[in-house]
């Protein structure tokens, strides 16, 4: 069994300009999974950069409100919502609220910096 606290995971700025902490990644922990799981946040009024990933992503929103954009489609998001993004889809998120947006992001196969392609 592996147990981790969010505060024990180092925060870094992803290429899309979201702040991430990897909770679980098969390259950095002795786990037999093909996905990675991260906690992310975006400041009030901030947008992530438009980007594409080679992997599929599932976002689960914990806090904040905004708009999620995927391949020309937009959807309002709020806590308790899930967004699936297929591999290769252009995507970005806007935090249109006045509080920090927080989310969990599952990436399959596991996230790698070189698989993230920034569009702007």
PDB file of N, CA and C in Angstrom:
ATOM      1  N   UNK A   1       0.845  -1.180   0.000  1.00  0.00           N
ATOM      2  CA  UNK A   1       0.000   0.000   0.000  1.00  0.00           C
ATOM      3  C   UNK A   1       0.889   1.241   0.000  1.00  0.00           C
ATOM      4  N   UNK A   2       0.441   2.234  -0.728  1.00  0.00           N
ATOM      5  CA  UNK A   2       1.130   3.526  -0.763  1.00  0.00           C
ATOM      6  C   UNK A   2       0.133   4.586  -0.315  1.00  0.00           C
ATOM      7  N   UNK A   3       0.556   5.410   0.641  1.00  0.00           N
ATOM      8  CA  UNK A   3      -0.283   6.495   1.147  1.00  0.00           C
ATOM      9  C   UNK A   3       0.526   7.773   1.036  1.00  0.00           C
ATOM     10  N   UNK A   4      -0.068   8.813   0.441  1.00  0.00           N
ATOM     11  CA  UNK A   4       0.627  10.091   0.290  1.00  0.00           C
ATOM     12  C   UNK A   4      -0.297  11.229   0.680  1.00  0.00           C
ATOM     13  N   UNK A   5       0.290  12.278   1.191  1.00  0.00           N
ATOM     14  CA  UNK A   5      -0.445  13.516   1.468  1.00  0.00           C
ATOM     15  C   UNK A   5      -0.154  14.502   0.350  1.00  0.00           C
ATOM     16  N   UNK A   6      -1.156  15.284   0.010  1.00  0.00           N
ATOM     17  CA  UNK A   6      -0.985  16.296  -1.027  1.00  0.00           C
ATOM     18  C   UNK A   6       0.198  17.208  -0.704  1.00  0.00           C
ATOM     19  N   UNK A   7       0.323  17.607   0.553  1.00  0.00           N
ATOM     20  CA  UNK A   7       1.385  18.538   0.951  1.00  0.00           C
ATOM     21  C   UNK A   7       2.780  17.927   0.853  1.00  0.00           C
ATOM     22  N   UNK A   8       2.868  16.608   0.741  1.00  0.00           N
ATOM     23  CA  UNK A   8       4.165  15.935   0.594  1.00  0.00           C
ATOM     24  C   UNK A   8       4.621  15.881  -0.865  1.00  0.00           C
ATOM     25  N   UNK A   9       3.748  16.212  -1.798  1.00  0.00           N
ATOM     26  CA  UNK A   9       4.052  16.148  -3.222  1.00  0.00           C
ATOM     27  C   UNK A   9       4.521  17.522  -3.695  1.00  0.00           C
ATOM     28  N   UNK A  10       5.638  17.545  -4.381  1.00  0.00           N
ATOM     29  CA  UNK A  10       6.206  18.813  -4.845  1.00  0.00           C
ATOM     30  C   UNK A  10       5.334  19.441  -5.923  1.00  0.00           C
ATOM     31  N   UNK A  11       5.081  20.729  -5.801  1.00  0.00           N
ATOM     32  CA  UNK A  11       4.292  21.447  -6.803  1.00  0.00           C
ATOM     33  C   UNK A  11       5.189  21.912  -7.937  1.00  0.00           C
ATOM     34  N   UNK A  12       4.671  21.827  -9.169  1.00  0.00           N
ATOM     35  CA  UNK A  12       5.410  22.334 -10.322  1.00  0.00           C
ATOM     36  C   UNK A  12       4.431  22.984 -11.293  1.00  0.00           C
ATOM     37  N   UNK A  13       4.957  23.813 -12.167  1.00  0.00           N
ATOM     38  CA  UNK A  13       4.155  24.486 -13.175  1.00  0.00           C
ATOM     39  C   UNK A  13       4.226  23.666 -14.457  1.00  0.00           C
ATOM     40  N   UNK A  14       3.071  23.136 -14.891  1.00  0.00           N
ATOM     41  CA  UNK A  14       3.017  22.360 -16.121  1.00  0.00           C
ATOM     42  C   UNK A  14       3.125  23.297 -17.329  1.00  0.00           C
ATOM     43  N   UNK A  15       3.379  22.736 -18.490  1.00  0.00           N
ATOM     44  CA  UNK A  15       3.517  23.528 -19.704  1.00  0.00           C
ATOM     45  C   UNK A  15       2.282  24.347 -20.025  1.00  0.00           C
ATOM     46  N   UNK A  16       1.101  23.873 -19.578  1.00  0.00           N
ATOM     47  CA  UNK A  16      -0.138  24.614 -19.840  1.00  0.00           C
ATOM     48  C   UNK A  16      -0.397  25.703 -18.809  1.00  0.00           C
ATOM     49  N   UNK A  17       0.528  25.867 -17.867  1.00  0.00           N
ATOM     50  CA  UNK A  17       0.484  26.890 -16.808  1.00  0.00           C
ATOM     51  C   UNK A  17      -0.535  26.595 -15.714  1.00  0.00           C
ATOM     52  N   UNK A  18      -0.860  25.326 -15.518  1.00  0.00           N
ATOM     53  CA  UNK A  18      -1.591  24.939 -14.322  1.00  0.00           C
ATOM     54  C   UNK A  18      -0.557  24.471 -13.295  1.00  0.00           C
ATOM     55  N   UNK A  19      -0.861  24.650 -12.040  1.00  0.00           N
ATOM     56  CA  UNK A  19       0.016  24.199 -10.958  1.00  0.00           C
ATOM     57  C   UNK A  19      -0.402  22.787 -10.590  1.00  0.00           C
ATOM     58  N   UNK A  20       0.557  21.869 -10.618  1.00  0.00           N
ATOM     59  CA  UNK A  20       0.258  20.454 -10.376  1.00  0.00           C
ATOM     60  C   UNK A  20       1.094  19.878  -9.254  1.00  0.00           C
ATOM     61  N   UNK A  21       0.535  18.868  -8.610  1.00  0.00           N
ATOM     62  CA  UNK A  21       1.253  18.010  -7.671  1.00  0.00           C
ATOM     63  C   UNK A  21       0.894  16.582  -8.052  1.00  0.00           C
ATOM     64  N   UNK A  22       1.881  15.807  -8.450  1.00  0.00           N
ATOM     65  CA  UNK A  22       1.612  14.422  -8.822  1.00  0.00           C
ATOM     66  C   UNK A  22       1.405  13.590  -7.567  1.00  0.00           C
ATOM     67  N   UNK A  23       0.228  13.021  -7.461  1.00  0.00           N
ATOM     68  CA  UNK A  23      -0.097  12.167  -6.322  1.00  0.00           C
ATOM     69  C   UNK A  23       0.361  10.737  -6.558  1.00  0.00           C
ATOM     70  N   UNK A  24       0.283  10.311  -7.810  1.00  0.00           N
ATOM     71  CA  UNK A  24       0.627   8.932  -8.148  1.00  0.00           C
ATOM     72  C   UNK A  24       1.114   8.892  -9.586  1.00  0.00           C
ATOM     73  N   UNK A  25       2.307   8.343  -9.787  1.00  0.00           N
ATOM     74  CA  UNK A  25       2.863   8.213 -11.128  1.00  0.00           C
ATOM     75  C   UNK A  25       3.704   6.943 -11.167  1.00  0.00           C
ATOM     76  N   UNK A  26       3.485   6.072 -12.156  1.00  0.00           N
ATOM     77  CA  UNK A  26       4.209   4.797 -12.179  1.00  0.00           C
ATOM     78  C   UNK A  26       5.718   4.935 -12.359  1.00  0.00           C
ATOM     79  N   UNK A  27       6.193   6.061 -12.883  1.00  0.00           N
ATOM     80  CA  UNK A  27       7.641   6.268 -13.021  1.00  0.00           C
ATOM     81  C   UNK A  27       8.290   6.742 -11.731  1.00  0.00           C
ATOM     82  N   UNK A  28       7.489   7.151 -10.741  1.00  0.00           N
ATOM     83  CA  UNK A  28       8.050   7.719  -9.512  1.00  0.00           C
ATOM     84  C   UNK A  28       7.584   7.016  -8.237  1.00  0.00           C
ATOM     85  N   UNK A  29       6.834   5.949  -8.403  1.00  0.00           N
ATOM     86  CA  UNK A  29       6.365   5.193  -7.235  1.00  0.00           C
ATOM     87  C   UNK A  29       6.233   3.721  -7.649  1.00  0.00           C
ATOM     88  N   UNK A  30       6.452   2.833  -6.722  1.00  0.00           N
ATOM     89  CA  UNK A  30       6.353   1.403  -7.048  1.00  0.00           C
ATOM     90  C   UNK A  30       4.895   0.934  -7.157  1.00  0.00           C
ATOM     91  N   UNK A  31       4.220   1.387  -8.210  1.00  0.00           N
ATOM     92  CA  UNK A  31       2.826   1.022  -8.441  1.00  0.00           C
ATOM     93  C   UNK A  31       2.701   0.405  -9.827  1.00  0.00           C
ATOM     94  N   UNK A  32       1.793  -0.517  -9.967  1.00  0.00           N
ATOM     95  CA  UNK A  32       1.592  -1.198 -11.250  1.00  0.00           C
ATOM     96  C   UNK A  32       0.317  -0.672 -11.898  1.00  0.00           C
ATOM     97  N   UNK A  33       0.392   0.584 -12.339  1.00  0.00           N
ATOM     98  CA  UNK A  33      -0.716   1.228 -13.041  1.00  0.00           C
ATOM     99  C   UNK A  33      -0.154   1.895 -14.295  1.00  0.00           C
ATOM    100  N   UNK A  34      -1.003   2.124 -15.270  1.00  0.00           N
ATOM    101  CA  UNK A  34      -0.567   2.771 -16.497  1.00  0.00           C
ATOM    102  C   UNK A  34      -0.935   4.239 -16.555  1.00  0.00           C
ATOM    103  N   UNK A  35      -1.585   4.756 -15.509  1.00  0.00           N
ATOM    104  CA  UNK A  35      -2.043   6.137 -15.478  1.00  0.00           C
ATOM    105  C   UNK A  35      -1.285   6.935 -14.433  1.00  0.00           C
ATOM    106  N   UNK A  36      -1.479   8.250 -14.460  1.00  0.00           N
ATOM    107  CA  UNK A  36      -0.969   9.115 -13.395  1.00  0.00           C
ATOM    108  C   UNK A  36      -2.143   9.915 -12.845  1.00  0.00           C
ATOM    109  N   UNK A  37      -2.012  10.341 -11.600  1.00  0.00           N
ATOM    110  CA  UNK A  37      -3.047  11.113 -10.931  1.00  0.00           C
ATOM    111  C   UNK A  37      -2.397  12.339 -10.314  1.00  0.00           C
ATOM    112  N   UNK A  38      -2.943  13.510 -10.640  1.00  0.00           N
ATOM    113  CA  UNK A  38      -2.385  14.766 -10.116  1.00  0.00           C
ATOM    114  C   UNK A  38      -3.498  15.635  -9.550  1.00  0.00           C
ATOM    115  N   UNK A  39      -3.114  16.484  -8.617  1.00  0.00           N
ATOM    116  CA  UNK A  39      -3.991  17.538  -8.095  1.00  0.00           C
ATOM    117  C   UNK A  39      -3.506  18.820  -8.739  1.00  0.00           C
ATOM    118  N   UNK A  40      -4.440  19.603  -9.278  1.00  0.00           N
ATOM    119  CA  UNK A  40      -4.055  20.844  -9.923  1.00  0.00           C
ATOM    120  C   UNK A  40      -4.859  22.016  -9.415  1.00  0.00           C
ATOM    121  N   UNK A  41      -4.333  23.211  -9.655  1.00  0.00           N
ATOM    122  CA  UNK A  41      -5.093  24.414  -9.341  1.00  0.00           C
ATOM    123  C   UNK A  41      -4.728  25.523 -10.311  1.00  0.00           C
ATOM    124  N   UNK A  42      -5.673  26.450 -10.430  1.00  0.00           N
ATOM    125  CA  UNK A  42      -5.547  27.593 -11.317  1.00  0.00           C
ATOM    126  C   UNK A  42      -6.085  28.804 -10.568  1.00  0.00           C
ATOM    127  N   UNK A  43      -5.335  29.880 -10.579  1.00  0.00           N
ATOM    128  CA  UNK A  43      -5.696  31.091  -9.833  1.00  0.00           C
ATOM    129  C   UNK A  43      -6.971  31.726 -10.383  1.00  0.00           C
ATOM    130  N   UNK A  44      -7.672  32.507  -9.547  1.00  0.00           N
ATOM    131  CA  UNK A  44      -8.867  33.216 -10.011  1.00  0.00           C
ATOM    132  C   UNK A  44      -8.551  34.091 -11.222  1.00  0.00           C
ATOM    133  N   UNK A  45      -9.418  34.021 -12.232  1.00  0.00           N
ATOM    134  CA  UNK A  45      -9.243  34.831 -13.428  1.00  0.00           C
ATOM    135  C   UNK A  45      -8.206  34.321 -14.412  1.00  0.00           C
ATOM    136  N   UNK A  46      -7.513  33.230 -14.095  1.00  0.00           N
ATOM    137  CA  UNK A  46      -6.447  32.706 -14.957  1.00  0.00           C
ATOM    138  C   UNK A  46      -6.997  31.687 -15.960  1.00  0.00           C
ATOM    139  N   UNK A  47      -6.296  31.570 -17.071  1.00  0.00           N
ATOM    140  CA  UNK A  47      -6.583  30.549 -18.088  1.00  0.00           C
ATOM    141  C   UNK A  47      -5.359  29.658 -18.217  1.00  0.00           C
ATOM    142  N   UNK A  48      -5.590  28.368 -18.451  1.00  0.00           N
ATOM    143  CA  UNK A  48      -4.460  27.522 -18.825  1.00  0.00           C
ATOM    144  C   UNK A  48      -4.160  27.809 -20.298  1.00  0.00           C
ATOM    145  N   UNK A  49      -3.004  27.394 -20.757  1.00  0.00           N
ATOM    146  CA  UNK A  49      -2.662  27.570 -22.165  1.00  0.00           C
ATOM    147  C   UNK A  49      -3.342  26.482 -22.985  1.00  0.00           C
ATOM    148  N   UNK A  50      -3.711  26.849 -24.219  1.00  0.00           N
ATOM    149  CA  UNK A  50      -4.261  25.842 -25.132  1.00  0.00           C
ATOM    150  C   UNK A  50      -3.184  24.796 -25.381  1.00  0.00           C
ATOM    151  N   UNK A  51      -3.570  23.522 -25.277  1.00  0.00           N
ATOM    152  CA  UNK A  51      -2.597  22.460 -25.453  1.00  0.00           C
ATOM    153  C   UNK A  51      -3.280  21.164 -25.892  1.00  0.00           C
ATOM    154  N   UNK A  52      -2.445  20.214 -26.285  1.00  0.00           N
ATOM    155  CA  UNK A  52      -2.884  18.858 -26.620  1.00  0.00           C
ATOM    156  C   UNK A  52      -1.987  17.883 -25.865  1.00  0.00           C
ATOM    157  N   UNK A  53      -2.563  16.772 -25.465  1.00  0.00           N
ATOM    158  CA  UNK A  53      -1.791  15.679 -24.872  1.00  0.00           C
ATOM    159  C   UNK A  53      -1.954  14.438 -25.733  1.00  0.00           C
ATOM    160  N   UNK A  54      -0.927  13.618 -25.764  1.00  0.00           N
ATOM    161  CA  UNK A  54      -1.010  12.345 -26.473  1.00  0.00           C
ATOM    162  C   UNK A  54      -1.878  11.356 -25.711  1.00  0.00           C
ATOM    163  N   UNK A  55      -2.113  11.621 -24.448  1.00  0.00           N
ATOM    164  CA  UNK A  55      -2.881  10.735 -23.562  1.00  0.00           C
ATOM    165  C   UNK A  55      -4.310  11.227 -23.400  1.00  0.00           C
ATOM    166  N   UNK A  56      -5.178  10.336 -22.946  1.00  0.00           N
ATOM    167  CA  UNK A  56      -6.536  10.725 -22.546  1.00  0.00           C
ATOM    168  C   UNK A  56      -6.461  11.320 -21.146  1.00  0.00           C
ATOM    169  N   UNK A  57      -7.396  12.242 -20.844  1.00  0.00           N
ATOM    170  CA  UNK A  57      -7.436  12.854 -19.516  1.00  0.00           C
ATOM    171  C   UNK A  57      -8.858  12.846 -18.974  1.00  0.00           C
ATOM    172  N   UNK A  58      -8.924  12.715 -17.668  1.00  0.00           N
ATOM    173  CA  UNK A  58     -10.192  12.870 -16.972  1.00  0.00           C
ATOM    174  C   UNK A  58      -9.950  13.883 -15.864  1.00  0.00           C
ATOM    175  N   UNK A  59     -10.731  14.963 -15.872  1.00  0.00           N
ATOM    176  CA  UNK A  59     -10.654  15.993 -14.834  1.00  0.00           C
ATOM    177  C   UNK A  59     -11.854  15.834 -13.912  1.00  0.00           C
ATOM    178  N   UNK A  60     -11.614  15.953 -12.613  1.00  0.00           N
ATOM    179  CA  UNK A  60     -12.701  16.010 -11.638  1.00  0.00           C
ATOM    180  C   UNK A  60     -12.520  17.307 -10.868  1.00  0.00           C
ATOM    181  N   UNK A  61     -13.511  18.198 -10.931  1.00  0.00           N
ATOM    182  CA  UNK A  61     -13.375  19.525 -10.332  1.00  0.00           C
ATOM    183  C   UNK A  61     -13.828  19.528  -8.872  1.00  0.00           C
ATOM    184  N   UNK A  62     -12.942  20.022  -8.011  1.00  0.00           N
ATOM    185  CA  UNK A  62     -13.155  20.048  -6.561  1.00  0.00           C
ATOM    186  C   UNK A  62     -13.631  21.407  -6.062  1.00  0.00           C
ATOM    187  N   UNK A  63     -13.150  22.483  -6.684  1.00  0.00           N
ATOM    188  CA  UNK A  63     -13.466  23.842  -6.218  1.00  0.00           C
ATOM    189  C   UNK A  63     -13.330  24.810  -7.386  1.00  0.00           C
ATOM    190  N   UNK A  64     -14.056  25.913  -7.297  1.00  0.00           N
ATOM    191  CA  UNK A  64     -13.976  26.960  -8.305  1.00  0.00           C
ATOM    192  C   UNK A  64     -14.986  26.765  -9.423  1.00  0.00           C
ATOM    193  N   UNK A  65     -15.073  27.777 -10.258  1.00  0.00           N
ATOM    194  CA  UNK A  65     -16.011  27.755 -11.389  1.00  0.00           C
ATOM    195  C   UNK A  65     -15.294  28.302 -12.615  1.00  0.00           C
ATOM    196  N   UNK A  66     -15.714  27.813 -13.767  1.00  0.00           N
ATOM    197  CA  UNK A  66     -15.094  28.301 -14.986  1.00  0.00           C
ATOM    198  C   UNK A  66     -15.696  27.681 -16.221  1.00  0.00           C
ATOM    199  N   UNK A  67     -14.882  27.627 -17.269  1.00  0.00           N
ATOM    200  CA  UNK A  67     -15.300  27.071 -18.548  1.00  0.00           C
ATOM    201  C   UNK A  67     -14.194  26.156 -19.050  1.00  0.00           C
ATOM    202  N   UNK A  68     -14.591  24.962 -19.503  1.00  0.00           N
ATOM    203  CA  UNK A  68     -13.642  24.015 -20.095  1.00  0.00           C
ATOM    204  C   UNK A  68     -13.865  24.013 -21.595  1.00  0.00           C
ATOM    205  N   UNK A  69     -12.765  24.120 -22.355  1.00  0.00           N
ATOM    206  CA  UNK A  69     -12.816  24.160 -23.820  1.00  0.00           C
ATOM    207  C   UNK A  69     -12.108  22.932 -24.375  1.00  0.00           C
ATOM    208  N   UNK A  70     -12.787  22.229 -25.283  1.00  0.00           N
ATOM    209  CA  UNK A  70     -12.200  21.054 -25.938  1.00  0.00           C
ATOM    210  C   UNK A  70     -12.628  21.029 -27.396  1.00  0.00           C
ATOM    211  N   UNK A  71     -11.652  21.105 -28.302  1.00  0.00           N
ATOM    212  CA  UNK A  71     -11.907  21.000 -29.744  1.00  0.00           C
ATOM    213  C   UNK A  71     -13.105  21.816 -30.213  1.00  0.00           C
ATOM    214  N   UNK A  72     -13.168  23.084 -29.831  1.00  0.00           N
ATOM    215  CA  UNK A  72     -14.206  23.974 -30.294  1.00  0.00           C
ATOM    216  C   UNK A  72     -15.507  23.929 -29.505  1.00  0.00           C
ATOM    217  N   UNK A  73     -15.578  23.081 -28.497  1.00  0.00           N
ATOM    218  CA  UNK A  73     -16.760  23.006 -27.638  1.00  0.00           C
ATOM    219  C   UNK A  73     -16.408  23.596 -26.272  1.00  0.00           C
ATOM    220  N   UNK A  74     -17.359  24.266 -25.645  1.00  0.00           N
ATOM    221  CA  UNK A  74     -17.148  24.866 -24.327  1.00  0.00           C
ATOM    222  C   UNK A  74     -18.253  24.416 -23.392  1.00  0.00           C
ATOM    223  N   UNK A  75     -17.891  24.224 -22.128  1.00  0.00           N
ATOM    224  CA  UNK A  75     -18.880  23.819 -21.130  1.00  0.00           C
ATOM    225  C   UNK A  75     -18.566  24.487 -19.801  1.00  0.00           C
ATOM    226  N   UNK A  76     -19.578  25.048 -19.135  1.00  0.00           N
ATOM    227  CA  UNK A  76     -19.351  25.569 -17.786  1.00  0.00           C
ATOM    228  C   UNK A  76     -18.965  24.417 -16.857  1.00  0.00           C
ATOM    229  N   UNK A  77     -18.081  24.697 -15.914  1.00  0.00           N
ATOM    230  CA  UNK A  77     -17.667  23.675 -14.950  1.00  0.00           C
ATOM    231  C   UNK A  77     -17.780  24.229 -13.538  1.00  0.00           C
ATOM    232  N   UNK A  78     -18.024  23.336 -12.613  1.00  0.00           N
ATOM    233  CA  UNK A  78     -18.134  23.674 -11.194  1.00  0.00           C
ATOM    234  C   UNK A  78     -17.783  22.428 -10.394  1.00  0.00           C
ATOM    235  N   UNK A  79     -17.656  22.551  -9.076  1.00  0.00           N
ATOM    236  CA  UNK A  79     -17.309  21.396  -8.254  1.00  0.00           C
ATOM    237  C   UNK A  79     -18.280  20.233  -8.470  1.00  0.00           C
ATOM    238  N   UNK A  80     -17.714  19.033  -8.520  1.00  0.00           N
ATOM    239  CA  UNK A  80     -18.500  17.820  -8.697  1.00  0.00           C
ATOM    240  C   UNK A  80     -18.655  17.388 -10.139  1.00  0.00           C
ATOM    241  N   UNK A  81     -18.113  18.161 -11.083  1.00  0.00           N
ATOM    242  CA  UNK A  81     -18.224  17.811 -12.494  1.00  0.00           C
ATOM    243  C   UNK A  81     -16.982  17.067 -12.973  1.00  0.00           C
ATOM    244  N   UNK A  82     -17.201  16.203 -13.965  1.00  0.00           N
ATOM    245  CA  UNK A  82     -16.139  15.423 -14.595  1.00  0.00           C
ATOM    246  C   UNK A  82     -16.076  15.801 -16.066  1.00  0.00           C
ATOM    247  N   UNK A  83     -14.851  15.940 -16.599  1.00  0.00           N
ATOM    248  CA  UNK A  83     -14.649  16.209 -18.019  1.00  0.00           C
ATOM    249  C   UNK A  83     -13.679  15.160 -18.556  1.00  0.00           C
ATOM    250  N   UNK A  84     -14.074  14.474 -19.628  1.00  0.00           N
ATOM    251  CA  UNK A  84     -13.186  13.540 -20.330  1.00  0.00           C
ATOM    252  C   UNK A  84     -12.643  14.245 -21.566  1.00  0.00           C
ATOM    253  N   UNK A  85     -11.324  14.165 -21.769  1.00  0.00           N
ATOM    254  CA  UNK A  85     -10.673  14.751 -22.935  1.00  0.00           C
ATOM    255  C   UNK A  85      -9.956  13.625 -23.680  1.00  0.00           C
ATOM    256  N   UNK A  86     -10.362  13.345 -24.921  1.00  0.00           N
ATOM    257  CA  UNK A  86      -9.711  12.263 -25.667  1.00  0.00           C
ATOM    258  C   UNK A  86      -8.276  12.620 -26.053  1.00  0.00           C
ATOM    259  N   UNK A  87      -7.452  11.615 -26.332  1.00  0.00           N
ATOM    260  CA  UNK A  87      -6.072  11.881 -26.753  1.00  0.00           C
ATOM    261  C   UNK A  87      -6.037  12.798 -27.973  1.00  0.00           C
ATOM    262  N   UNK A  88      -5.132  13.758 -27.959  1.00  0.00           N
ATOM    263  CA  UNK A  88      -4.924  14.647 -29.090  1.00  0.00           C
ATOM    264  C   UNK A  88      -5.887  15.810 -29.202  1.00  0.00           C
ATOM    265  N   UNK A  89      -6.862  15.914 -28.306  1.00  0.00           N
ATOM    266  CA  UNK A  89      -7.836  17.013 -28.381  1.00  0.00           C
ATOM    267  C   UNK A  89      -7.215  18.314 -27.891  1.00  0.00           C
ATOM    268  N   UNK A  90      -7.519  19.417 -28.589  1.00  0.00           N
ATOM    269  CA  UNK A  90      -7.093  20.737 -28.132  1.00  0.00           C
ATOM    270  C   UNK A  90      -7.952  21.106 -26.926  1.00  0.00           C
ATOM    271  N   UNK A  91      -7.314  21.615 -25.874  1.00  0.00           N
ATOM    272  CA  UNK A  91      -8.042  21.895 -24.641  1.00  0.00           C
ATOM    273  C   UNK A  91      -7.423  23.042 -23.866  1.00  0.00           C
ATOM    274  N   UNK A  92      -8.266  23.685 -23.070  1.00  0.00           N
ATOM    275  CA  UNK A  92      -7.812  24.642 -22.072  1.00  0.00           C
ATOM    276  C   UNK A  92      -8.962  24.928 -21.135  1.00  0.00           C
ATOM    277  N   UNK A  93      -8.626  25.460 -19.976  1.00  0.00           N
ATOM    278  CA  UNK A  93      -9.643  25.752 -18.972  1.00  0.00           C
ATOM    279  C   UNK A  93      -9.501  27.204 -18.522  1.00  0.00           C
ATOM    280  N   UNK A  94     -10.635  27.846 -18.265  1.00  0.00           N
ATOM    281  CA  UNK A  94     -10.664  29.226 -17.765  1.00  0.00           C
ATOM    282  C   UNK A  94     -11.254  29.205 -16.365  1.00  0.00           C
ATOM    283  N   UNK A  95     -10.584  29.857 -15.438  1.00  0.00           N
ATOM    284  CA  UNK A  95     -11.145  30.056 -14.106  1.00  0.00           C
ATOM    285  C   UNK A  95     -11.825  31.422 -14.131  1.00  0.00           C
ATOM    286  N   UNK A  96     -13.133  31.412 -14.299  1.00  0.00           N
ATOM    287  CA  UNK A  96     -13.875  32.674 -14.379  1.00  0.00           C
ATOM    288  C   UNK A  96     -14.419  33.112 -13.025  1.00  0.00           C
ATOM    289  N   UNK A  97     -14.108  32.343 -11.993  1.00  0.00           N
ATOM    290  CA  UNK A  97     -14.596  32.679 -10.663  1.00  0.00           C
ATOM    291  C   UNK A  97     -13.643  33.572  -9.897  1.00  0.00           C
ATOM    292  N   UNK A  98     -13.999  33.849  -8.639  1.00  0.00           N
ATOM    293  CA  UNK A  98     -13.164  34.706  -7.797  1.00  0.00           C
ATOM    294  C   UNK A  98     -12.430  33.913  -6.725  1.00  0.00           C
ATOM    295  N   UNK A  99     -12.363  32.585  -6.914  1.00  0.00           N
ATOM    296  CA  UNK A  99     -11.597  31.742  -5.987  1.00  0.00           C
ATOM    297  C   UNK A  99     -10.753  30.753  -6.789  1.00  0.00           C
ATOM    298  N   UNK A 100      -9.816  30.132  -6.114  1.00  0.00           N
ATOM    299  CA  UNK A 100      -8.928  29.174  -6.760  1.00  0.00           C
ATOM    300  C   UNK A 100      -9.730  27.991  -7.294  1.00  0.00           C
ATOM    301  N   UNK A 101      -9.423  27.564  -8.517  1.00  0.00           N
ATOM    302  CA  UNK A 101     -10.016  26.371  -9.089  1.00  0.00           C
ATOM    303  C   UNK A 101      -9.106  25.193  -8.742  1.00  0.00           C
ATOM    304  N   UNK A 102      -9.696  24.129  -8.224  1.00  0.00           N
ATOM    305  CA  UNK A 102      -8.930  22.928  -7.889  1.00  0.00           C
ATOM    306  C   UNK A 102      -9.554  21.730  -8.574  1.00  0.00           C
ATOM    307  N   UNK A 103      -8.693  20.798  -9.004  1.00  0.00           N
ATOM    308  CA  UNK A 103      -9.173  19.620  -9.712  1.00  0.00           C
ATOM    309  C   UNK A 103      -8.205  18.459  -9.547  1.00  0.00           C
ATOM    310  N   UNK A 104      -8.716  17.266  -9.769  1.00  0.00           N
ATOM    311  CA  UNK A 104      -7.902  16.072  -9.901  1.00  0.00           C
ATOM    312  C   UNK A 104      -7.834  15.754 -11.379  1.00  0.00           C
ATOM    313  N   UNK A 105      -6.697  15.273 -11.837  1.00  0.00           N
ATOM    314  CA  UNK A 105      -6.525  14.957 -13.249  1.00  0.00           C
ATOM    315  C   UNK A 105      -5.889  13.581 -13.369  1.00  0.00           C
ATOM    316  N   UNK A 106      -6.613  12.678 -13.998  1.00  0.00           N
ATOM    317  CA  UNK A 106      -6.112  11.336 -14.270  1.00  0.00           C
ATOM    318  C   UNK A 106      -5.702  11.297 -15.733  1.00  0.00           C
ATOM    319  N   UNK A 107      -4.467  10.893 -16.016  1.00  0.00           N
ATOM    320  CA  UNK A 107      -3.934  10.859 -17.377  1.00  0.00           C
ATOM    321  C   UNK A 107      -3.548   9.425 -17.705  1.00  0.00           C
ATOM    322  N   UNK A 108      -4.044   8.929 -18.860  1.00  0.00           N
ATOM    323  CA  UNK A 108      -3.813   7.540 -19.254  1.00  0.00           C
ATOM    324  C   UNK A 108      -3.503   7.462 -20.745  1.00  0.00           C
ATOM    325  N   UNK A 109      -2.286   6.983 -21.125  1.00  0.00           N
ATOM    326  CA  UNK A 109      -1.205   6.560 -20.246  1.00  0.00           C
ATOM    327  C   UNK A 109      -0.613   7.732 -19.467  1.00  0.00           C
ATOM    328  N   UNK A 110       0.180   7.399 -18.470  1.00  0.00           N
ATOM    329  CA  UNK A 110       0.712   8.370 -17.508  1.00  0.00           C
ATOM    330  C   UNK A 110       1.329   9.595 -18.182  1.00  0.00           C
ATOM    331  N   UNK A 111       1.105  10.767 -17.544  1.00  0.00           N
ATOM    332  CA  UNK A 111       1.576  12.045 -18.047  1.00  0.00           C
ATOM    333  C   UNK A 111       3.091  12.069 -18.190  1.00  0.00           C
ATOM    334  N   UNK A 112       3.538  12.630 -19.312  1.00  0.00           N
ATOM    335  CA  UNK A 112       4.958  12.904 -19.554  1.00  0.00           C
ATOM    336  C   UNK A 112       5.038  14.287 -20.173  1.00  0.00           C
ATOM    337  N   UNK A 113       5.989  15.068 -19.714  1.00  0.00           N
ATOM    338  CA  UNK A 113       6.137  16.438 -20.218  1.00  0.00           C
ATOM    339  C   UNK A 113       6.259  16.464 -21.735  1.00  0.00           C
ATOM    340  N   UNK A 114       6.973  15.505 -22.316  1.00  0.00           N
ATOM    341  CA  UNK A 114       7.180  15.509 -23.765  1.00  0.00           C
ATOM    342  C   UNK A 114       5.913  15.154 -24.558  1.00  0.00           C
ATOM    343  N   UNK A 115       4.881  14.669 -23.891  1.00  0.00           N
ATOM    344  CA  UNK A 115       3.608  14.363 -24.546  1.00  0.00           C
ATOM    345  C   UNK A 115       2.643  15.551 -24.547  1.00  0.00           C
ATOM    346  N   UNK A 116       3.056  16.653 -23.925  1.00  0.00           N
ATOM    347  CA  UNK A 116       2.232  17.854 -23.847  1.00  0.00           C
ATOM    348  C   UNK A 116       2.690  18.851 -24.909  1.00  0.00           C
ATOM    349  N   UNK A 117       1.775  19.245 -25.800  1.00  0.00           N
ATOM    350  CA  UNK A 117       2.098  20.147 -26.886  1.00  0.00           C
ATOM    351  C   UNK A 117       1.331  21.453 -26.699  1.00  0.00           C
ATOM    352  N   UNK A 118       2.053  22.530 -26.385  1.00  0.00           N
ATOM    353  CA  UNK A 118       1.451  23.838 -26.135  1.00  0.00           C
ATOM    354  C   UNK A 118       1.136  24.488 -27.488  1.00  0.00           C
ATOM    355  N   UNK A 119      -0.064  25.046 -27.619  1.00  0.00           N
ATOM    356  CA  UNK A 119      -0.551  25.574 -28.888  1.00  0.00           C
ATOM    357  C   UNK A 119      -0.342  27.094 -29.018  1.00  0.00           C
ATOM    358  N   UNK A 120       0.051  27.777 -27.960  1.00  0.00           N
ATOM    359  CA  UNK A 120       0.181  29.241 -28.035  1.00  0.00           C
ATOM    360  C   UNK A 120       1.514  29.693 -27.545  1.00  0.00           C
TER     361      UNK A 120
END
